[in-house]
């Protein structure tokens, strides 16, 4: 049997195509959003790391080095 191909698309196929197109656009937007958020997080982490390291360096500079006490020799009994 031969099937007749029509030049017109059925409403179901048009709706299916539209849903796929919208899903692809939303997926691309979501992926771009996740990547953008990842970049922002890494920038913030770098900023916080620099601040922490600067604070630690300042604390190390201000804190005097501990001095070692000499132990006295005990006399044997």
PDB file of N, CA and C in Angstrom:
ATOM      1  N   UNK A   1       0.836  -1.183   0.000  1.00  0.00           N
ATOM      2  CA  UNK A   1       0.000   0.000   0.000  1.00  0.00           C
ATOM      3  C   UNK A   1       0.873   1.235   0.000  1.00  0.00           C
ATOM      4  N   UNK A   2       0.415   2.192  -0.646  1.00  0.00           N
ATOM      5  CA  UNK A   2       1.153   3.450  -0.722  1.00  0.00           C
ATOM      6  C   UNK A   2       0.531   4.451   0.243  1.00  0.00           C
ATOM      7  N   UNK A   3       1.407   5.167   0.899  1.00  0.00           N
ATOM      8  CA  UNK A   3       0.913   6.227   1.773  1.00  0.00           C
ATOM      9  C   UNK A   3       1.133   7.551   1.080  1.00  0.00           C
ATOM     10  N   UNK A   4       0.214   8.400   1.289  1.00  0.00           N
ATOM     11  CA  UNK A   4       0.267   9.690   0.646  1.00  0.00           C
ATOM     12  C   UNK A   4       0.977  10.691   1.561  1.00  0.00           C
ATOM     13  N   UNK A   5       2.052  11.311   1.056  1.00  0.00           N
ATOM     14  CA  UNK A   5       2.760  12.318   1.837  1.00  0.00           C
ATOM     15  C   UNK A   5       2.092  13.659   1.566  1.00  0.00           C
ATOM     16  N   UNK A   6       1.826  14.350   2.628  1.00  0.00           N
ATOM     17  CA  UNK A   6       1.196  15.654   2.468  1.00  0.00           C
ATOM     18  C   UNK A   6       2.230  16.735   2.725  1.00  0.00           C
ATOM     19  N   UNK A   7       2.082  17.836   2.107  1.00  0.00           N
ATOM     20  CA  UNK A   7       2.993  18.957   2.279  1.00  0.00           C
ATOM     21  C   UNK A   7       2.743  19.642   3.622  1.00  0.00           C
ATOM     22  N   UNK A   8       1.567  19.470   4.144  1.00  0.00           N
ATOM     23  CA  UNK A   8       1.227  20.093   5.411  1.00  0.00           C
ATOM     24  C   UNK A   8       1.579  19.162   6.563  1.00  0.00           C
ATOM     25  N   UNK A   9       2.046  19.749   7.652  1.00  0.00           N
ATOM     26  CA  UNK A   9       2.364  18.973   8.839  1.00  0.00           C
ATOM     27  C   UNK A   9       1.127  18.876   9.719  1.00  0.00           C
ATOM     28  N   UNK A  10       1.028  17.783  10.398  1.00  0.00           N
ATOM     29  CA  UNK A  10      -0.123  17.619  11.280  1.00  0.00           C
ATOM     30  C   UNK A  10       0.055  18.524  12.499  1.00  0.00           C
ATOM     31  N   UNK A  11      -1.038  18.890  13.152  1.00  0.00           N
ATOM     32  CA  UNK A  11      -0.937  19.747  14.336  1.00  0.00           C
ATOM     33  C   UNK A  11      -0.120  19.091  15.453  1.00  0.00           C
ATOM     34  N   UNK A  12      -0.194  17.772  15.543  1.00  0.00           N
ATOM     35  CA  UNK A  12       0.575  17.074  16.573  1.00  0.00           C
ATOM     36  C   UNK A  12       2.078  17.198  16.323  1.00  0.00           C
ATOM     37  N   UNK A  13       2.478  17.045  15.066  1.00  0.00           N
ATOM     38  CA  UNK A  13       3.907  17.135  14.758  1.00  0.00           C
ATOM     39  C   UNK A  13       4.417  18.566  14.925  1.00  0.00           C
ATOM     40  N   UNK A  14       3.590  19.539  14.614  1.00  0.00           N
ATOM     41  CA  UNK A  14       3.980  20.936  14.822  1.00  0.00           C
ATOM     42  C   UNK A  14       4.143  21.205  16.315  1.00  0.00           C
ATOM     43  N   UNK A  15       3.227  20.720  17.123  1.00  0.00           N
ATOM     44  CA  UNK A  15       3.305  20.923  18.568  1.00  0.00           C
ATOM     45  C   UNK A  15       4.530  20.213  19.144  1.00  0.00           C
ATOM     46  N   UNK A  16       4.813  19.003  18.671  1.00  0.00           N
ATOM     47  CA  UNK A  16       5.976  18.251  19.149  1.00  0.00           C
ATOM     48  C   UNK A  16       7.263  19.000  18.794  1.00  0.00           C
ATOM     49  N   UNK A  17       7.347  19.505  17.561  1.00  0.00           N
ATOM     50  CA  UNK A  17       8.519  20.270  17.136  1.00  0.00           C
ATOM     51  C   UNK A  17       8.695  21.513  17.993  1.00  0.00           C
ATOM     52  N   UNK A  18       7.602  22.198  18.284  1.00  0.00           N
ATOM     53  CA  UNK A  18       7.656  23.422  19.099  1.00  0.00           C
ATOM     54  C   UNK A  18       8.126  23.104  20.522  1.00  0.00           C
ATOM     55  N   UNK A  19       7.629  22.009  21.099  1.00  0.00           N
ATOM     56  CA  UNK A  19       8.057  21.609  22.453  1.00  0.00           C
ATOM     57  C   UNK A  19       9.553  21.291  22.470  1.00  0.00           C
ATOM     58  N   UNK A  20      10.027  20.592  21.461  1.00  0.00           N
ATOM     59  CA  UNK A  20      11.449  20.263  21.396  1.00  0.00           C
ATOM     60  C   UNK A  20      12.299  21.522  21.251  1.00  0.00           C
ATOM     61  N   UNK A  21      11.849  22.444  20.436  1.00  0.00           N
ATOM     62  CA  UNK A  21      12.583  23.692  20.232  1.00  0.00           C
ATOM     63  C   UNK A  21      12.660  24.488  21.530  1.00  0.00           C
ATOM     64  N   UNK A  22      11.523  24.598  22.240  1.00  0.00           N
ATOM     65  CA  UNK A  22      11.501  25.332  23.503  1.00  0.00           C
ATOM     66  C   UNK A  22      12.377  24.648  24.564  1.00  0.00           C
ATOM     67  N   UNK A  23      12.336  23.322  24.608  1.00  0.00           N
ATOM     68  CA  UNK A  23      13.160  22.586  25.574  1.00  0.00           C
ATOM     69  C   UNK A  23      14.641  22.804  25.289  1.00  0.00           C
ATOM     70  N   UNK A  24      15.021  22.816  24.027  1.00  0.00           N
ATOM     71  CA  UNK A  24      16.421  23.034  23.664  1.00  0.00           C
ATOM     72  C   UNK A  24      16.864  24.449  24.060  1.00  0.00           C
ATOM     73  N   UNK A  25      16.012  25.438  23.833  1.00  0.00           N
ATOM     74  CA  UNK A  25      16.348  26.818  24.210  1.00  0.00           C
ATOM     75  C   UNK A  25      16.476  26.948  25.727  1.00  0.00           C
ATOM     76  N   UNK A  26      15.542  26.365  26.460  1.00  0.00           N
ATOM     77  CA  UNK A  26      15.589  26.440  27.923  1.00  0.00           C
ATOM     78  C   UNK A  26      16.815  25.710  28.469  1.00  0.00           C
ATOM     79  N   UNK A  27      17.154  24.589  27.872  1.00  0.00           N
ATOM     80  CA  UNK A  27      18.340  23.842  28.290  1.00  0.00           C
ATOM     81  C   UNK A  27      19.607  24.639  28.076  1.00  0.00           C
ATOM     82  N   UNK A  28      19.705  25.309  26.934  1.00  0.00           N
ATOM     83  CA  UNK A  28      20.882  26.136  26.644  1.00  0.00           C
ATOM     84  C   UNK A  28      20.974  27.293  27.633  1.00  0.00           C
ATOM     85  N   UNK A  29      19.821  27.913  27.940  1.00  0.00           N
ATOM     86  CA  UNK A  29      19.816  29.012  28.924  1.00  0.00           C
ATOM     87  C   UNK A  29      20.227  28.514  30.302  1.00  0.00           C
ATOM     88  N   UNK A  30      19.720  27.351  30.694  1.00  0.00           N
ATOM     89  CA  UNK A  30      20.040  26.792  32.007  1.00  0.00           C
ATOM     90  C   UNK A  30      21.527  26.457  32.097  1.00  0.00           C
ATOM     91  N   UNK A  31      22.080  25.880  31.047  1.00  0.00           N
ATOM     92  CA  UNK A  31      23.498  25.537  31.041  1.00  0.00           C
ATOM     93  C   UNK A  31      24.356  26.799  31.133  1.00  0.00           C
ATOM     94  N   UNK A  32      23.999  27.830  30.393  1.00  0.00           N
ATOM     95  CA  UNK A  32      24.741  29.086  30.452  1.00  0.00           C
ATOM     96  C   UNK A  32      24.646  29.696  31.848  1.00  0.00           C
ATOM     97  N   UNK A  33      23.481  29.590  32.478  1.00  0.00           N
ATOM     98  CA  UNK A  33      23.295  30.131  33.823  1.00  0.00           C
ATOM     99  C   UNK A  33      24.165  29.386  34.831  1.00  0.00           C
ATOM    100  N   UNK A  34      24.223  28.075  34.721  1.00  0.00           N
ATOM    101  CA  UNK A  34      25.046  27.273  35.634  1.00  0.00           C
ATOM    102  C   UNK A  34      26.521  27.622  35.454  1.00  0.00           C
ATOM    103  N   UNK A  35      26.951  27.778  34.227  1.00  0.00           N
ATOM    104  CA  UNK A  35      28.346  28.137  33.973  1.00  0.00           C
ATOM    105  C   UNK A  35      28.660  29.526  34.530  1.00  0.00           C
ATOM    106  N   UNK A  36      27.742  30.464  34.371  1.00  0.00           N
ATOM    107  CA  UNK A  36      27.949  31.822  34.883  1.00  0.00           C
ATOM    108  C   UNK A  36      28.051  31.800  36.406  1.00  0.00           C
ATOM    109  N   UNK A  37      27.170  31.032  37.050  1.00  0.00           N
ATOM    110  CA  UNK A  37      27.214  30.932  38.508  1.00  0.00           C
ATOM    111  C   UNK A  37      28.519  30.289  38.974  1.00  0.00           C
ATOM    112  N   UNK A  38      29.007  29.302  38.239  1.00  0.00           N
ATOM    113  CA  UNK A  38      30.274  28.667  38.578  1.00  0.00           C
ATOM    114  C   UNK A  38      31.424  29.646  38.519  1.00  0.00           C
ATOM    115  N   UNK A  39      31.426  30.495  37.519  1.00  0.00           N
ATOM    116  CA  UNK A  39      32.474  31.517  37.398  1.00  0.00           C
ATOM    117  C   UNK A  39      32.395  32.483  38.571  1.00  0.00           C
ATOM    118  N   UNK A  40      31.180  32.903  38.929  1.00  0.00           N
ATOM    119  CA  UNK A  40      31.014  33.826  40.053  1.00  0.00           C
ATOM    120  C   UNK A  40      31.499  33.198  41.360  1.00  0.00           C
ATOM    121  N   UNK A  41      31.201  31.924  41.556  1.00  0.00           N
ATOM    122  CA  UNK A  41      31.624  31.227  42.782  1.00  0.00           C
ATOM    123  C   UNK A  41      33.145  31.160  42.837  1.00  0.00           C
ATOM    124  N   UNK A  42      33.787  30.805  41.716  1.00  0.00           N
ATOM    125  CA  UNK A  42      35.246  30.718  41.710  1.00  0.00           C
ATOM    126  C   UNK A  42      35.897  32.076  41.951  1.00  0.00           C
ATOM    127  N   UNK A  43      35.317  33.140  41.398  1.00  0.00           N
ATOM    128  CA  UNK A  43      35.847  34.489  41.650  1.00  0.00           C
ATOM    129  C   UNK A  43      35.726  34.842  43.128  1.00  0.00           C
ATOM    130  N   UNK A  44      34.586  34.523  43.732  1.00  0.00           N
ATOM    131  CA  UNK A  44      34.376  34.828  45.147  1.00  0.00           C
ATOM    132  C   UNK A  44      35.340  34.020  46.009  1.00  0.00           C
ATOM    133  N   UNK A  45      35.541  32.746  45.663  1.00  0.00           N
ATOM    134  CA  UNK A  45      36.470  31.917  46.430  1.00  0.00           C
ATOM    135  C   UNK A  45      37.886  32.485  46.355  1.00  0.00           C
ATOM    136  N   UNK A  46      38.292  32.945  45.186  1.00  0.00           N
ATOM    137  CA  UNK A  46      39.623  33.527  45.032  1.00  0.00           C
ATOM    138  C   UNK A  46      39.741  34.806  45.864  1.00  0.00           C
ATOM    139  N   UNK A  47      38.705  35.614  45.858  1.00  0.00           N
ATOM    140  CA  UNK A  47      38.722  36.852  46.644  1.00  0.00           C
ATOM    141  C   UNK A  47      38.839  36.536  48.131  1.00  0.00           C
ATOM    142  N   UNK A  48      38.058  35.576  48.599  1.00  0.00           N
ATOM    143  CA  UNK A  48      38.103  35.212  50.013  1.00  0.00           C
ATOM    144  C   UNK A  48      39.445  34.585  50.391  1.00  0.00           C
ATOM    145  N   UNK A  49      40.013  33.787  49.498  1.00  0.00           N
ATOM    146  CA  UNK A  49      41.318  33.175  49.765  1.00  0.00           C
ATOM    147  C   UNK A  49      42.388  34.257  49.914  1.00  0.00           C
ATOM    148  N   UNK A  50      42.357  35.243  49.006  1.00  0.00           N
ATOM    149  CA  UNK A  50      43.333  36.338  49.087  1.00  0.00           C
ATOM    150  C   UNK A  50      43.183  37.102  50.401  1.00  0.00           C
ATOM    151  N   UNK A  51      41.948  37.351  50.805  1.00  0.00           N
ATOM    152  CA  UNK A  51      41.720  38.078  52.063  1.00  0.00           C
ATOM    153  C   UNK A  51      42.221  37.259  53.250  1.00  0.00           C
ATOM    154  N   UNK A  52      41.958  35.963  53.241  1.00  0.00           N
ATOM    155  CA  UNK A  52      42.408  35.101  54.343  1.00  0.00           C
ATOM    156  C   UNK A  52      43.925  35.043  54.398  1.00  0.00           C
ATOM    157  N   UNK A  53      44.564  34.880  53.244  1.00  0.00           N
ATOM    158  CA  UNK A  53      46.024  34.804  53.218  1.00  0.00           C
ATOM    159  C   UNK A  53      46.649  36.124  53.657  1.00  0.00           C
ATOM    160  N   UNK A  54      46.056  37.250  53.278  1.00  0.00           N
ATOM    161  CA  UNK A  54      46.569  38.550  53.708  1.00  0.00           C
ATOM    162  C   UNK A  54      46.430  38.687  55.222  1.00  0.00           C
ATOM    163  N   UNK A  55      45.299  38.247  55.771  1.00  0.00           N
ATOM    164  CA  UNK A  55      45.086  38.316  57.218  1.00  0.00           C
ATOM    165  C   UNK A  55      46.083  37.427  57.947  1.00  0.00           C
ATOM    166  N   UNK A  56      46.296  36.213  57.444  1.00  0.00           N
ATOM    167  CA  UNK A  56      47.250  35.307  58.078  1.00  0.00           C
ATOM    168  C   UNK A  56      48.667  35.863  58.019  1.00  0.00           C
ATOM    169  N   UNK A  57      49.033  36.481  56.896  1.00  0.00           N
ATOM    170  CA  UNK A  57      50.367  37.067  56.768  1.00  0.00           C
ATOM    171  C   UNK A  57      50.527  38.225  57.747  1.00  0.00           C
ATOM    172  N   UNK A  58      49.493  39.037  57.905  1.00  0.00           N
ATOM    173  CA  UNK A  58      49.548  40.163  58.843  1.00  0.00           C
ATOM    174  C   UNK A  58      49.661  39.653  60.277  1.00  0.00           C
ATOM    175  N   UNK A  59      48.901  38.628  60.609  1.00  0.00           N
ATOM    176  CA  UNK A  59      48.975  38.056  61.954  1.00  0.00           C
ATOM    177  C   UNK A  59      50.353  37.452  62.217  1.00  0.00           C
ATOM    178  N   UNK A  60      50.911  36.792  61.218  1.00  0.00           N
ATOM    179  CA  UNK A  60      52.237  36.196  61.380  1.00  0.00           C
ATOM    180  C   UNK A  60      53.297  37.286  61.551  1.00  0.00           C
ATOM    181  N   UNK A  61      53.124  38.404  60.875  1.00  0.00           N
ATOM    182  CA  UNK A  61      54.088  39.500  60.977  1.00  0.00           C
ATOM    183  C   UNK A  61      54.004  40.154  62.352  1.00  0.00           C
ATOM    184  N   UNK A  62      52.801  40.274  62.907  1.00  0.00           N
ATOM    185  CA  UNK A  62      52.619  40.945  64.187  1.00  0.00           C
ATOM    186  C   UNK A  62      52.922  40.049  65.380  1.00  0.00           C
ATOM    187  N   UNK A  63      52.767  38.761  65.233  1.00  0.00           N
ATOM    188  CA  UNK A  63      52.996  37.846  66.341  1.00  0.00           C
ATOM    189  C   UNK A  63      54.490  37.570  66.461  1.00  0.00           C
ATOM    190  N   UNK A  64      55.056  37.795  67.653  1.00  0.00           N
ATOM    191  CA  UNK A  64      56.489  37.517  67.796  1.00  0.00           C
ATOM    192  C   UNK A  64      56.732  36.012  67.758  1.00  0.00           C
ATOM    193  N   UNK A  65      57.904  35.667  67.285  1.00  0.00           N
ATOM    194  CA  UNK A  65      58.247  34.250  67.211  1.00  0.00           C
ATOM    195  C   UNK A  65      58.435  33.722  68.626  1.00  0.00           C
ATOM    196  N   UNK A  66      57.966  32.552  68.915  1.00  0.00           N
ATOM    197  CA  UNK A  66      58.127  32.008  70.260  1.00  0.00           C
ATOM    198  C   UNK A  66      59.605  31.723  70.539  1.00  0.00           C
ATOM    199  N   UNK A  67      60.017  32.067  71.761  1.00  0.00           N
ATOM    200  CA  UNK A  67      61.406  31.808  72.129  1.00  0.00           C
ATOM    201  C   UNK A  67      61.482  30.483  72.858  1.00  0.00           C
ATOM    202  N   UNK A  68      62.535  29.786  72.617  1.00  0.00           N
ATOM    203  CA  UNK A  68      62.728  28.502  73.266  1.00  0.00           C
ATOM    204  C   UNK A  68      63.445  28.729  74.597  1.00  0.00           C
ATOM    205  N   UNK A  69      62.958  28.116  75.636  1.00  0.00           N
ATOM    206  CA  UNK A  69      63.573  28.230  76.943  1.00  0.00           C
ATOM    207  C   UNK A  69      64.618  27.133  77.068  1.00  0.00           C
ATOM    208  N   UNK A  70      65.734  27.514  77.630  1.00  0.00           N
ATOM    209  CA  UNK A  70      66.758  26.512  77.862  1.00  0.00           C
ATOM    210  C   UNK A  70      66.391  25.714  79.087  1.00  0.00           C
ATOM    211  N   UNK A  71      66.539  24.431  78.954  1.00  0.00           N
ATOM    212  CA  UNK A  71      66.230  23.584  80.092  1.00  0.00           C
ATOM    213  C   UNK A  71      67.501  23.461  80.942  1.00  0.00           C
ATOM    214  N   UNK A  72      67.288  23.586  82.248  1.00  0.00           N
ATOM    215  CA  UNK A  72      68.462  23.446  83.123  1.00  0.00           C
ATOM    216  C   UNK A  72      68.732  21.968  83.322  1.00  0.00           C
ATOM    217  N   UNK A  73      69.998  21.687  83.436  1.00  0.00           N
ATOM    218  CA  UNK A  73      70.375  20.299  83.655  1.00  0.00           C
ATOM    219  C   UNK A  73      70.122  19.947  85.095  1.00  0.00           C
ATOM    220  N   UNK A  74      69.495  18.862  85.304  1.00  0.00           N
ATOM    221  CA  UNK A  74      69.229  18.401  86.662  1.00  0.00           C
ATOM    222  C   UNK A  74      70.413  17.567  87.118  1.00  0.00           C
ATOM    223  N   UNK A  75      70.700  17.720  88.375  1.00  0.00           N
ATOM    224  CA  UNK A  75      71.801  16.950  88.926  1.00  0.00           C
ATOM    225  C   UNK A  75      71.312  15.554  89.278  1.00  0.00           C
ATOM    226  N   UNK A  76      72.157  14.602  89.016  1.00  0.00           N
ATOM    227  CA  UNK A  76      71.805  13.215  89.341  1.00  0.00           C
ATOM    228  C   UNK A  76      71.915  13.007  90.832  1.00  0.00           C
ATOM    229  N   UNK A  77      71.090  12.266  91.452  1.00  0.00           N
ATOM    230  CA  UNK A  77      71.108  12.024  92.905  1.00  0.00           C
ATOM    231  C   UNK A  77      71.867  10.804  93.236  1.00  0.00           C
TER     232      UNK A  77
END
